[in-house]
Amino acid sequence: MNKNQRQFAIREIVTNEHIGSQDDLQRSLKKAGFDITQATLSRDLAEMGIGRIATAEGPRYAFYEDGEDSRVRALLSYEVRGIYHSDAMIVIKTLAGRAQGVAEMIDGIESPYILGTIAGDNTIFVAPQSSKVMPRLIKELRAYITGDHSE
């Protein structure tokens, strides 16, 4: 069982079933062959942008609309330790083990200024579309990570 397989199973369950609690989700995952702890499940849900929402049928887990939920945003800004750059590359430092989740969220913004990202354990390399867009891209990344769009 690896993380990608587990998160794929979570995505399928949340999309296809009415899951109202983490206990229910843990049980469904166990039936699918994934016996995980509540802490691991909580981390996966936060990383994937899944949370409990109110529906007419009662609370259920679902994907956040735009990934703009304040809890996810607070988690993202906590996980990023710094943004650094040269003339040709942006490096984002994160907490240990969080670079892949943060890179996935950055990829999700689908910025025309980003060619792609590569994530290790605590470091993300962001390849800009060109060196000319570097100041704008850094500003965009900082605003996305901190949630501050005031500038």
C-alpha atoms as a PDB file:
ATOM      1  CA  MET A   1       0.000   0.000   0.000  1.00  0.00           C
ATOM      2  CA  ASN A   2       1.506   3.336  -1.013  1.00  0.00           C
ATOM      3  CA  LYS A   3       0.304   6.876  -0.524  1.00  0.00           C
ATOM      4  CA  ASN A   4      -0.867   7.359  -4.123  1.00  0.00           C
ATOM      5  CA  GLN A   5      -2.950   4.170  -4.023  1.00  0.00           C
ATOM      6  CA  ARG A   6      -4.410   5.136  -0.628  1.00  0.00           C
ATOM      7  CA  GLN A   7      -5.308   8.640  -1.779  1.00  0.00           C
ATOM      8  CA  PHE A   8      -6.833   7.254  -4.968  1.00  0.00           C
ATOM      9  CA  ALA A   9      -9.013   4.975  -2.820  1.00  0.00           C
ATOM     10  CA  ILE A  10     -10.017   7.942  -0.632  1.00  0.00           C
ATOM     11  CA  ARG A  11     -10.923   9.959  -3.736  1.00  0.00           C
ATOM     12  CA  GLU A  12     -13.081   7.111  -5.085  1.00  0.00           C
ATOM     13  CA  ILE A  13     -14.855   6.529  -1.768  1.00  0.00           C
ATOM     14  CA  VAL A  14     -15.564  10.215  -1.114  1.00  0.00           C
ATOM     15  CA  THR A  15     -16.798  10.704  -4.673  1.00  0.00           C
ATOM     16  CA  ASN A  16     -19.036   7.627  -4.802  1.00  0.00           C
ATOM     17  CA  GLU A  17     -20.315   7.210  -1.234  1.00  0.00           C
ATOM     18  CA  HIS A  18     -22.016   9.402   1.351  1.00  0.00           C
ATOM     19  CA  ILE A  19     -19.329   9.429   4.065  1.00  0.00           C
ATOM     20  CA  GLY A  20     -20.281  11.458   7.142  1.00  0.00           C
ATOM     21  CA  SER A  21     -17.381  10.784   9.525  1.00  0.00           C
ATOM     22  CA  GLN A  22     -13.735   9.813   9.544  1.00  0.00           C
ATOM     23  CA  ASP A  23     -14.736   6.558  11.260  1.00  0.00           C
ATOM     24  CA  ASP A  24     -17.000   5.739   8.299  1.00  0.00           C
ATOM     25  CA  LEU A  25     -14.210   6.595   5.889  1.00  0.00           C
ATOM     26  CA  GLN A  26     -11.705   4.485   7.843  1.00  0.00           C
ATOM     27  CA  ARG A  27     -14.113   1.515   7.709  1.00  0.00           C
ATOM     28  CA  SER A  28     -14.596   1.916   3.943  1.00  0.00           C
ATOM     29  CA  LEU A  29     -10.839   2.147   3.459  1.00  0.00           C
ATOM     30  CA  LYS A  30     -10.295  -0.965   5.557  1.00  0.00           C
ATOM     31  CA  LYS A  31     -12.804  -2.868   3.365  1.00  0.00           C
ATOM     32  CA  ALA A  32     -10.756  -1.693   0.370  1.00  0.00           C
ATOM     33  CA  GLY A  33      -7.564  -3.062   1.966  1.00  0.00           C
ATOM     34  CA  PHE A  34      -6.169   0.128   3.516  1.00  0.00           C
ATOM     35  CA  ASP A  35      -5.834  -0.105   7.302  1.00  0.00           C
ATOM     36  CA  ILE A  36      -4.622   3.387   8.300  1.00  0.00           C
ATOM     37  CA  THR A  37      -4.533   5.496  11.435  1.00  0.00           C
ATOM     38  CA  GLN A  38      -6.787   8.474  12.058  1.00  0.00           C
ATOM     39  CA  ALA A  39      -3.728  10.785  11.949  1.00  0.00           C
ATOM     40  CA  THR A  40      -2.723   9.530   8.485  1.00  0.00           C
ATOM     41  CA  LEU A  41      -6.301   9.881   7.276  1.00  0.00           C
ATOM     42  CA  SER A  42      -6.491  13.474   8.588  1.00  0.00           C
ATOM     43  CA  ARG A  43      -3.234  14.368   6.807  1.00  0.00           C
ATOM     44  CA  ASP A  44      -4.470  12.819   3.565  1.00  0.00           C
ATOM     45  CA  LEU A  45      -7.785  14.686   3.742  1.00  0.00           C
ATOM     46  CA  ALA A  46      -6.039  18.019   4.350  1.00  0.00           C
ATOM     47  CA  GLU A  47      -3.518  17.395   1.583  1.00  0.00           C
ATOM     48  CA  MET A  48      -6.234  16.390  -0.876  1.00  0.00           C
ATOM     49  CA  GLY A  49      -8.507  19.359  -0.073  1.00  0.00           C
ATOM     50  CA  ILE A  50     -11.309  17.213   1.355  1.00  0.00           C
ATOM     51  CA  GLY A  51     -13.458  18.271   4.298  1.00  0.00           C
ATOM     52  CA  ARG A  52     -16.900  17.856   5.822  1.00  0.00           C
ATOM     53  CA  ILE A  53     -19.682  19.909   4.308  1.00  0.00           C
ATOM     54  CA  ALA A  54     -23.348  20.250   5.228  1.00  0.00           C
ATOM     55  CA  THR A  55     -25.847  18.727   2.808  1.00  0.00           C
ATOM     56  CA  ALA A  56     -29.587  18.115   2.886  1.00  0.00           C
ATOM     57  CA  GLU A  57     -28.826  14.451   3.694  1.00  0.00           C
ATOM     58  CA  GLY A  58     -26.525  15.427   6.564  1.00  0.00           C
ATOM     59  CA  PRO A  59     -22.801  16.092   6.793  1.00  0.00           C
ATOM     60  CA  ARG A  60     -20.501  14.394   4.293  1.00  0.00           C
ATOM     61  CA  TYR A  61     -16.928  14.537   3.093  1.00  0.00           C
ATOM     62  CA  ALA A  62     -16.355  16.301  -0.219  1.00  0.00           C
ATOM     63  CA  PHE A  63     -13.686  18.207  -2.099  1.00  0.00           C
ATOM     64  CA  TYR A  64     -13.455  21.900  -1.255  1.00  0.00           C
ATOM     65  CA  GLU A  65     -14.759  24.060  -4.057  1.00  0.00           C
ATOM     66  CA  ASP A  66     -11.713  26.088  -5.085  1.00  0.00           C
ATOM     67  CA  GLY A  67      -9.170  24.833  -2.589  1.00  0.00           C
ATOM     68  CA  GLU A  68      -9.744  28.232  -0.984  1.00  0.00           C
ATOM     69  CA  ASP A  69     -11.074  26.896   2.297  1.00  0.00           C
ATOM     70  CA  SER A  70      -9.367  28.833   5.097  1.00  0.00           C
ATOM     71  CA  ARG A  71      -8.288  25.675   6.915  1.00  0.00           C
ATOM     72  CA  VAL A  72      -6.458  24.380   3.854  1.00  0.00           C
ATOM     73  CA  ARG A  73      -4.942  27.816   3.246  1.00  0.00           C
ATOM     74  CA  ALA A  74      -3.722  28.020   6.864  1.00  0.00           C
ATOM     75  CA  LEU A  75      -2.183  24.565   6.558  1.00  0.00           C
ATOM     76  CA  LEU A  76      -0.436  25.508   3.318  1.00  0.00           C
ATOM     77  CA  SER A  77       1.077  28.689   4.740  1.00  0.00           C
ATOM     78  CA  TYR A  78       2.264  26.717   7.778  1.00  0.00           C
ATOM     79  CA  GLU A  79       3.945  24.038   5.635  1.00  0.00           C
ATOM     80  CA  VAL A  80       5.964  26.450   3.475  1.00  0.00           C
ATOM     81  CA  ARG A  81       9.171  27.655   5.127  1.00  0.00           C
ATOM     82  CA  GLY A  82      10.370  29.999   2.374  1.00  0.00           C
ATOM     83  CA  ILE A  83      10.418  30.941  -1.297  1.00  0.00           C
ATOM     84  CA  TYR A  84      13.788  31.592  -2.921  1.00  0.00           C
ATOM     85  CA  HIS A  85      14.783  32.225  -6.523  1.00  0.00           C
ATOM     86  CA  SER A  86      17.596  32.723  -8.979  1.00  0.00           C
ATOM     87  CA  ASP A  87      17.285  34.195 -12.454  1.00  0.00           C
ATOM     88  CA  ALA A  88      15.910  30.924 -13.818  1.00  0.00           C
ATOM     89  CA  MET A  89      14.413  28.865 -10.992  1.00  0.00           C
ATOM     90  CA  ILE A  90      12.196  29.158  -7.920  1.00  0.00           C
ATOM     91  CA  VAL A  91      12.859  26.966  -4.896  1.00  0.00           C
ATOM     92  CA  ILE A  92      10.174  26.495  -2.246  1.00  0.00           C
ATOM     93  CA  LYS A  93      11.259  24.962   1.072  1.00  0.00           C
ATOM     94  CA  THR A  94       8.624  23.098   3.101  1.00  0.00           C
ATOM     95  CA  LEU A  95       8.364  21.090   6.276  1.00  0.00           C
ATOM     96  CA  ALA A  96       9.834  17.593   5.962  1.00  0.00           C
ATOM     97  CA  GLY A  97       7.613  15.299   3.931  1.00  0.00           C
ATOM     98  CA  ARG A  98       5.278  18.046   2.691  1.00  0.00           C
ATOM     99  CA  ALA A  99       6.839  19.155  -0.603  1.00  0.00           C
ATOM    100  CA  GLN A 100       4.782  16.776  -2.763  1.00  0.00           C
ATOM    101  CA  GLY A 101       1.471  17.893  -1.273  1.00  0.00           C
ATOM    102  CA  VAL A 102       2.356  21.575  -1.609  1.00  0.00           C
ATOM    103  CA  ALA A 103       3.590  21.046  -5.189  1.00  0.00           C
ATOM    104  CA  GLU A 104       0.309  19.308  -6.050  1.00  0.00           C
ATOM    105  CA  MET A 105      -1.598  22.353  -4.785  1.00  0.00           C
ATOM    106  CA  ILE A 106       0.661  24.705  -6.766  1.00  0.00           C
ATOM    107  CA  ASP A 107       0.118  22.604  -9.888  1.00  0.00           C
ATOM    108  CA  GLY A 108      -3.618  22.929  -9.247  1.00  0.00           C
ATOM    109  CA  ILE A 109      -3.587  26.692  -9.722  1.00  0.00           C
ATOM    110  CA  GLU A 110      -2.657  26.087 -13.382  1.00  0.00           C
ATOM    111  CA  SER A 111      -0.684  29.311 -13.690  1.00  0.00           C
ATOM    112  CA  PRO A 112       0.368  30.176 -17.245  1.00  0.00           C
ATOM    113  CA  TYR A 113       3.668  31.322 -15.716  1.00  0.00           C
ATOM    114  CA  ILE A 114       4.611  27.818 -14.482  1.00  0.00           C
ATOM    115  CA  LEU A 115       6.020  25.189 -16.846  1.00  0.00           C
ATOM    116  CA  GLY A 116       6.093  22.585 -14.086  1.00  0.00           C
ATOM    117  CA  THR A 117       7.156  21.586 -10.587  1.00  0.00           C
ATOM    118  CA  ILE A 118       9.403  18.880  -9.175  1.00  0.00           C
ATOM    119  CA  ALA A 119       9.060  17.937  -5.516  1.00  0.00           C
ATOM    120  CA  GLY A 120      11.358  16.065  -3.193  1.00  0.00           C
ATOM    121  CA  ASP A 121      10.839  15.605   0.534  1.00  0.00           C
ATOM    122  CA  ASN A 122      11.096  19.240   1.642  1.00  0.00           C
ATOM    123  CA  THR A 123      12.033  21.109  -1.539  1.00  0.00           C
ATOM    124  CA  ILE A 124      10.058  22.086  -4.623  1.00  0.00           C
ATOM    125  CA  PHE A 125      11.645  23.335  -7.835  1.00  0.00           C
ATOM    126  CA  VAL A 126       9.315  25.533  -9.867  1.00  0.00           C
ATOM    127  CA  ALA A 127      10.252  26.083 -13.514  1.00  0.00           C
ATOM    128  CA  PRO A 128       8.913  29.457 -14.712  1.00  0.00           C
ATOM    129  CA  GLN A 129       7.623  29.958 -18.256  1.00  0.00           C
ATOM    130  CA  SER A 130      10.457  32.478 -18.753  1.00  0.00           C
ATOM    131  CA  SER A 131      12.776  34.641 -16.680  1.00  0.00           C
ATOM    132  CA  LYS A 132      10.676  37.674 -17.712  1.00  0.00           C
ATOM    133  CA  VAL A 133       7.693  36.447 -15.673  1.00  0.00           C
ATOM    134  CA  MET A 134       9.754  35.658 -12.567  1.00  0.00           C
ATOM    135  CA  PRO A 135       8.694  38.729 -10.473  1.00  0.00           C
ATOM    136  CA  ARG A 136       5.006  38.196 -11.298  1.00  0.00           C
ATOM    137  CA  LEU A 137       5.217  34.453 -10.617  1.00  0.00           C
ATOM    138  CA  ILE A 138       6.913  34.935  -7.248  1.00  0.00           C
ATOM    139  CA  LYS A 139       4.228  37.451  -6.284  1.00  0.00           C
ATOM    140  CA  GLU A 140       1.508  35.008  -7.432  1.00  0.00           C
ATOM    141  CA  LEU A 141       3.033  32.126  -5.451  1.00  0.00           C
ATOM    142  CA  ARG A 142       3.400  34.206  -2.286  1.00  0.00           C
ATOM    143  CA  ALA A 143      -0.218  35.393  -2.580  1.00  0.00           C
ATOM    144  CA  TYR A 144      -1.440  31.840  -3.143  1.00  0.00           C
ATOM    145  CA  ILE A 145       0.511  30.395  -0.222  1.00  0.00           C
ATOM    146  CA  THR A 146      -0.326  33.140   2.271  1.00  0.00           C
ATOM    147  CA  GLY A 147      -3.825  33.887   1.006  1.00  0.00           C
ATOM    148  CA  ASP A 148      -2.915  37.598   0.839  1.00  0.00           C
ATOM    149  CA  HIS A 149      -4.150  38.982  -2.513  1.00  0.00           C
ATOM    150  CA  SER A 150      -4.121  42.638  -1.423  1.00  0.00           C
ATOM    151  CA  GLU A 151      -1.256  43.831  -3.630  1.00  0.00           C
END
